[in-house]
Amino acid sequence: MIVKTKKYALDKKAYIRAGMRNILKEQWWVVLIAIGISAMAFVIPSNWWWIGALIAYVLYLLFWLIQFTGVTQLEQSKMLFDKLSYEIDSRQILIKMNSKQGMPMKWEQIKYAWMDKKQFVLVVNKAQMMMFPYTVFKTQNEVKFVETIMRRKGLIKGQKEQIEK
């Protein structure tokens, strides 16, 4: 079975939000570094440890925010935010610009995926993602079929609770 999505353009703000969520989820340990720097205030008493840790963490988040915002502005990534349709099956995801032009993406290129109450997000690398809002699918069965494919490929594990939230 092949699932054909409606044509849609990826929302830039949604892409930035998903990217930041992905970075926070993937690099959670950075918070521990900020806490470690803050803990130095107990060894060498000074409020500058707290301030320095906070500034470093804010700069880290700002760095990634600028990265994701930059992706939305670059000419090379303009195609990501054009109206595209997709054909999804168990072998690949075919990204179609029109009926004659398309680019296949193998499932092996995707590191992992997650889903929430509005969409599927497939992570290719830290800064590149594909997002499929549930509204681009024609029926609820197509959504369940795509979810099943991703579970079989090992991209989604035990996230049924997230959909219900």
C-alpha atoms as a PDB file:
ATOM      1  CA  MET A   1       0.000   0.000   0.000  1.00  0.00           C
ATOM      2  CA  ILE A   2       1.201   3.504  -0.871  1.00  0.00           C
ATOM      3  CA  VAL A   3       0.006   6.492   1.141  1.00  0.00           C
ATOM      4  CA  LYS A   4      -0.236   9.662  -0.924  1.00  0.00           C
ATOM      5  CA  THR A   5      -0.409  12.882   1.055  1.00  0.00           C
ATOM      6  CA  LYS A   6      -2.053  16.128   0.092  1.00  0.00           C
ATOM      7  CA  LYS A   7       0.264  18.907  -1.080  1.00  0.00           C
ATOM      8  CA  TYR A   8       1.362  21.097   1.773  1.00  0.00           C
ATOM      9  CA  ALA A   9       4.080  23.564   2.678  1.00  0.00           C
ATOM     10  CA  LEU A  10       6.026  23.072   5.876  1.00  0.00           C
ATOM     11  CA  ASP A  11       5.384  25.890   8.342  1.00  0.00           C
ATOM     12  CA  LYS A  12       8.628  27.650   9.267  1.00  0.00           C
ATOM     13  CA  LYS A  13       7.606  28.348  12.871  1.00  0.00           C
ATOM     14  CA  ALA A  14       6.527  24.738  13.372  1.00  0.00           C
ATOM     15  CA  TYR A  15       9.880  23.598  11.951  1.00  0.00           C
ATOM     16  CA  ILE A  16      11.795  25.818  14.392  1.00  0.00           C
ATOM     17  CA  ARG A  17       9.684  24.586  17.339  1.00  0.00           C
ATOM     18  CA  ALA A  18      10.175  20.941  16.365  1.00  0.00           C
ATOM     19  CA  GLY A  19      13.906  21.501  15.906  1.00  0.00           C
ATOM     20  CA  MET A  20      14.287  23.088  19.325  1.00  0.00           C
ATOM     21  CA  ARG A  21      12.245  20.296  20.909  1.00  0.00           C
ATOM     22  CA  ASN A  22      14.452  17.744  19.191  1.00  0.00           C
ATOM     23  CA  ILE A  23      17.673  19.419  20.384  1.00  0.00           C
ATOM     24  CA  LEU A  24      16.414  19.696  23.963  1.00  0.00           C
ATOM     25  CA  LYS A  25      15.406  16.038  23.883  1.00  0.00           C
ATOM     26  CA  GLU A  26      18.599  14.836  22.214  1.00  0.00           C
ATOM     27  CA  GLN A  27      21.052  16.964  24.191  1.00  0.00           C
ATOM     28  CA  TRP A  28      19.449  16.980  27.636  1.00  0.00           C
ATOM     29  CA  TRP A  29      22.831  16.502  29.245  1.00  0.00           C
ATOM     30  CA  VAL A  30      23.762  20.150  28.561  1.00  0.00           C
ATOM     31  CA  VAL A  31      21.500  21.088  31.473  1.00  0.00           C
ATOM     32  CA  LEU A  32      23.695  18.927  33.704  1.00  0.00           C
ATOM     33  CA  ILE A  33      26.747  20.914  32.638  1.00  0.00           C
ATOM     34  CA  ALA A  34      24.970  24.176  33.559  1.00  0.00           C
ATOM     35  CA  ILE A  35      24.001  22.687  36.923  1.00  0.00           C
ATOM     36  CA  GLY A  36      27.610  21.559  37.450  1.00  0.00           C
ATOM     37  CA  ILE A  37      28.897  25.053  36.758  1.00  0.00           C
ATOM     38  CA  SER A  38      26.279  26.467  39.144  1.00  0.00           C
ATOM     39  CA  ALA A  39      27.358  23.984  41.820  1.00  0.00           C
ATOM     40  CA  MET A  40      30.787  25.593  41.826  1.00  0.00           C
ATOM     41  CA  ALA A  41      29.150  28.371  43.860  1.00  0.00           C
ATOM     42  CA  PHE A  42      29.222  25.968  46.820  1.00  0.00           C
ATOM     43  CA  VAL A  43      32.979  25.381  46.387  1.00  0.00           C
ATOM     44  CA  ILE A  44      34.029  28.954  45.660  1.00  0.00           C
ATOM     45  CA  PRO A  45      31.217  31.210  46.914  1.00  0.00           C
ATOM     46  CA  SER A  46      30.233  33.712  44.252  1.00  0.00           C
ATOM     47  CA  ASN A  47      27.024  34.591  42.440  1.00  0.00           C
ATOM     48  CA  TRP A  48      28.973  34.733  39.182  1.00  0.00           C
ATOM     49  CA  TRP A  49      28.837  30.922  38.919  1.00  0.00           C
ATOM     50  CA  TRP A  50      25.035  31.068  38.744  1.00  0.00           C
ATOM     51  CA  ILE A  51      25.067  33.975  36.333  1.00  0.00           C
ATOM     52  CA  GLY A  52      27.754  32.384  34.147  1.00  0.00           C
ATOM     53  CA  ALA A  53      25.901  29.067  33.954  1.00  0.00           C
ATOM     54  CA  LEU A  54      22.654  30.812  33.062  1.00  0.00           C
ATOM     55  CA  ILE A  55      24.325  32.952  30.388  1.00  0.00           C
ATOM     56  CA  ALA A  56      26.092  29.901  28.911  1.00  0.00           C
ATOM     57  CA  TYR A  57      22.864  27.907  28.747  1.00  0.00           C
ATOM     58  CA  VAL A  58      20.910  30.801  27.199  1.00  0.00           C
ATOM     59  CA  LEU A  59      23.678  31.284  24.613  1.00  0.00           C
ATOM     60  CA  TYR A  60      23.569  27.554  23.828  1.00  0.00           C
ATOM     61  CA  LEU A  61      19.799  27.706  23.235  1.00  0.00           C
ATOM     62  CA  LEU A  62      20.184  30.902  21.223  1.00  0.00           C
ATOM     63  CA  PHE A  63      22.819  29.219  19.042  1.00  0.00           C
ATOM     64  CA  TRP A  64      20.421  26.429  18.104  1.00  0.00           C
ATOM     65  CA  LEU A  65      17.523  28.841  17.627  1.00  0.00           C
ATOM     66  CA  ILE A  66      19.649  30.818  15.164  1.00  0.00           C
ATOM     67  CA  GLN A  67      20.615  27.589  13.373  1.00  0.00           C
ATOM     68  CA  PHE A  68      17.007  26.527  12.848  1.00  0.00           C
ATOM     69  CA  THR A  69      15.901  30.023  11.903  1.00  0.00           C
ATOM     70  CA  GLY A  70      18.792  30.190   9.435  1.00  0.00           C
ATOM     71  CA  VAL A  71      17.701  26.952   7.783  1.00  0.00           C
ATOM     72  CA  THR A  72      14.335  28.546   7.015  1.00  0.00           C
ATOM     73  CA  GLN A  73      16.056  31.510   5.328  1.00  0.00           C
ATOM     74  CA  LEU A  74      18.693  29.729   3.220  1.00  0.00           C
ATOM     75  CA  GLU A  75      18.249  29.399  -0.524  1.00  0.00           C
ATOM     76  CA  GLN A  76      19.500  25.772  -0.415  1.00  0.00           C
ATOM     77  CA  SER A  77      16.730  24.731   1.952  1.00  0.00           C
ATOM     78  CA  LYS A  78      13.986  26.714   0.235  1.00  0.00           C
ATOM     79  CA  MET A  79      12.671  23.465  -1.260  1.00  0.00           C
ATOM     80  CA  LEU A  80      11.844  22.167   2.240  1.00  0.00           C
ATOM     81  CA  PHE A  81       9.255  24.908   2.667  1.00  0.00           C
ATOM     82  CA  ASP A  82       7.653  24.717  -0.808  1.00  0.00           C
ATOM     83  CA  LYS A  83       4.360  22.925  -1.377  1.00  0.00           C
ATOM     84  CA  LEU A  84       5.241  19.257  -1.759  1.00  0.00           C
ATOM     85  CA  SER A  85       3.372  15.994  -1.726  1.00  0.00           C
ATOM     86  CA  TYR A  86       4.708  12.695  -0.447  1.00  0.00           C
ATOM     87  CA  GLU A  87       4.222   9.037  -1.284  1.00  0.00           C
ATOM     88  CA  ILE A  88       5.001   6.822   1.678  1.00  0.00           C
ATOM     89  CA  ASP A  89       5.405   3.063   1.533  1.00  0.00           C
ATOM     90  CA  SER A  90       7.429   0.445   3.381  1.00  0.00           C
ATOM     91  CA  ARG A  91      10.481   0.932   1.120  1.00  0.00           C
ATOM     92  CA  GLN A  92      10.851   4.706   0.984  1.00  0.00           C
ATOM     93  CA  ILE A  93       9.347   8.162   1.186  1.00  0.00           C
ATOM     94  CA  LEU A  94       9.028   9.775  -2.227  1.00  0.00           C
ATOM     95  CA  ILE A  95       9.150  13.567  -2.028  1.00  0.00           C
ATOM     96  CA  LYS A  96       7.278  14.925  -5.055  1.00  0.00           C
ATOM     97  CA  MET A  97       7.583  18.484  -6.333  1.00  0.00           C
ATOM     98  CA  ASN A  98       5.135  17.728  -9.137  1.00  0.00           C
ATOM     99  CA  SER A  99       3.871  14.647 -10.951  1.00  0.00           C
ATOM    100  CA  LYS A 100       7.153  14.219 -12.897  1.00  0.00           C
ATOM    101  CA  GLN A 101       9.821  15.386 -10.428  1.00  0.00           C
ATOM    102  CA  GLY A 102      10.556  13.667  -7.152  1.00  0.00           C
ATOM    103  CA  MET A 103      13.277  12.487  -4.830  1.00  0.00           C
ATOM    104  CA  PRO A 104      13.243   9.216  -2.885  1.00  0.00           C
ATOM    105  CA  MET A 105      14.369   9.028   0.730  1.00  0.00           C
ATOM    106  CA  LYS A 106      15.098   5.587   2.128  1.00  0.00           C
ATOM    107  CA  TRP A 107      13.907   4.738   5.626  1.00  0.00           C
ATOM    108  CA  GLU A 108      17.520   3.945   6.553  1.00  0.00           C
ATOM    109  CA  GLN A 109      18.379   7.665   6.256  1.00  0.00           C
ATOM    110  CA  ILE A 110      16.042   8.510   9.135  1.00  0.00           C
ATOM    111  CA  LYS A 111      17.631   8.277  12.605  1.00  0.00           C
ATOM    112  CA  TYR A 112      14.401   8.225  14.594  1.00  0.00           C
ATOM    113  CA  ALA A 113      10.899   9.627  14.643  1.00  0.00           C
ATOM    114  CA  TRP A 114       8.412  10.912  17.178  1.00  0.00           C
ATOM    115  CA  MET A 115       4.787  11.765  17.115  1.00  0.00           C
ATOM    116  CA  ASP A 116       2.502  14.019  19.068  1.00  0.00           C
ATOM    117  CA  LYS A 117      -1.180  14.909  18.889  1.00  0.00           C
ATOM    118  CA  LYS A 118      -0.750  16.875  15.628  1.00  0.00           C
ATOM    119  CA  GLN A 119       2.032  15.327  13.563  1.00  0.00           C
ATOM    120  CA  PHE A 120       4.787  12.843  12.793  1.00  0.00           C
ATOM    121  CA  VAL A 121       8.340  14.207  12.911  1.00  0.00           C
ATOM    122  CA  LEU A 122      11.087  12.202  11.203  1.00  0.00           C
ATOM    123  CA  VAL A 123      14.610  13.232  12.206  1.00  0.00           C
ATOM    124  CA  VAL A 124      17.296  12.855   9.546  1.00  0.00           C
ATOM    125  CA  ASN A 125      20.001  14.651  11.554  1.00  0.00           C
ATOM    126  CA  LYS A 126      20.156  17.336  14.250  1.00  0.00           C
ATOM    127  CA  ALA A 127      19.120  20.120  11.894  1.00  0.00           C
ATOM    128  CA  GLN A 128      17.061  18.327   9.247  1.00  0.00           C
ATOM    129  CA  MET A 129      13.585  16.948   9.826  1.00  0.00           C
ATOM    130  CA  MET A 130      10.498  15.977   7.899  1.00  0.00           C
ATOM    131  CA  MET A 131       7.125  16.789   9.408  1.00  0.00           C
ATOM    132  CA  PHE A 132       3.804  15.231   8.482  1.00  0.00           C
ATOM    133  CA  PRO A 133       0.765  16.845  10.111  1.00  0.00           C
ATOM    134  CA  TYR A 134      -2.100  14.376  10.402  1.00  0.00           C
ATOM    135  CA  THR A 135      -4.215  16.723   8.273  1.00  0.00           C
ATOM    136  CA  VAL A 136      -2.207  15.894   5.123  1.00  0.00           C
ATOM    137  CA  PHE A 137      -3.439  12.312   5.192  1.00  0.00           C
ATOM    138  CA  LYS A 138      -6.789  11.537   3.604  1.00  0.00           C
ATOM    139  CA  THR A 139      -8.035   9.080   6.233  1.00  0.00           C
ATOM    140  CA  GLN A 140      -7.238   8.007   9.779  1.00  0.00           C
ATOM    141  CA  ASN A 141      -6.287   4.577   8.397  1.00  0.00           C
ATOM    142  CA  GLU A 142      -3.438   6.167   6.437  1.00  0.00           C
ATOM    143  CA  VAL A 143      -2.137   7.757   9.648  1.00  0.00           C
ATOM    144  CA  LYS A 144      -2.232   4.365  11.387  1.00  0.00           C
ATOM    145  CA  PHE A 145      -0.522   2.707   8.397  1.00  0.00           C
ATOM    146  CA  VAL A 146       2.354   5.220   8.446  1.00  0.00           C
ATOM    147  CA  GLU A 147       2.663   4.769  12.217  1.00  0.00           C
ATOM    148  CA  THR A 148       2.819   0.992  11.722  1.00  0.00           C
ATOM    149  CA  ILE A 149       5.568   1.339   9.104  1.00  0.00           C
ATOM    150  CA  MET A 150       7.618   3.531  11.444  1.00  0.00           C
ATOM    151  CA  ARG A 151       7.172   1.108  14.341  1.00  0.00           C
ATOM    152  CA  ARG A 152       8.272  -1.834  12.163  1.00  0.00           C
ATOM    153  CA  LYS A 153      11.341   0.119  11.060  1.00  0.00           C
ATOM    154  CA  GLY A 154      12.136   0.755  14.742  1.00  0.00           C
ATOM    155  CA  LEU A 155      11.834   4.540  14.442  1.00  0.00           C
ATOM    156  CA  ILE A 156       9.041   4.938  17.024  1.00  0.00           C
ATOM    157  CA  LYS A 157       8.932   2.999  20.251  1.00  0.00           C
ATOM    158  CA  GLY A 158       6.209   3.152  22.889  1.00  0.00           C
ATOM    159  CA  GLN A 159       4.867   6.625  22.180  1.00  0.00           C
ATOM    160  CA  LYS A 160       1.176   5.798  22.163  1.00  0.00           C
ATOM    161  CA  GLU A 161       0.722   7.924  25.295  1.00  0.00           C
ATOM    162  CA  GLN A 162       1.947  11.063  23.496  1.00  0.00           C
ATOM    163  CA  ILE A 163      -0.884  10.978  20.962  1.00  0.00           C
ATOM    164  CA  GLU A 164      -3.514  10.889  23.647  1.00  0.00           C
ATOM    165  CA  LYS A 165      -2.133  13.970  25.467  1.00  0.00           C
END
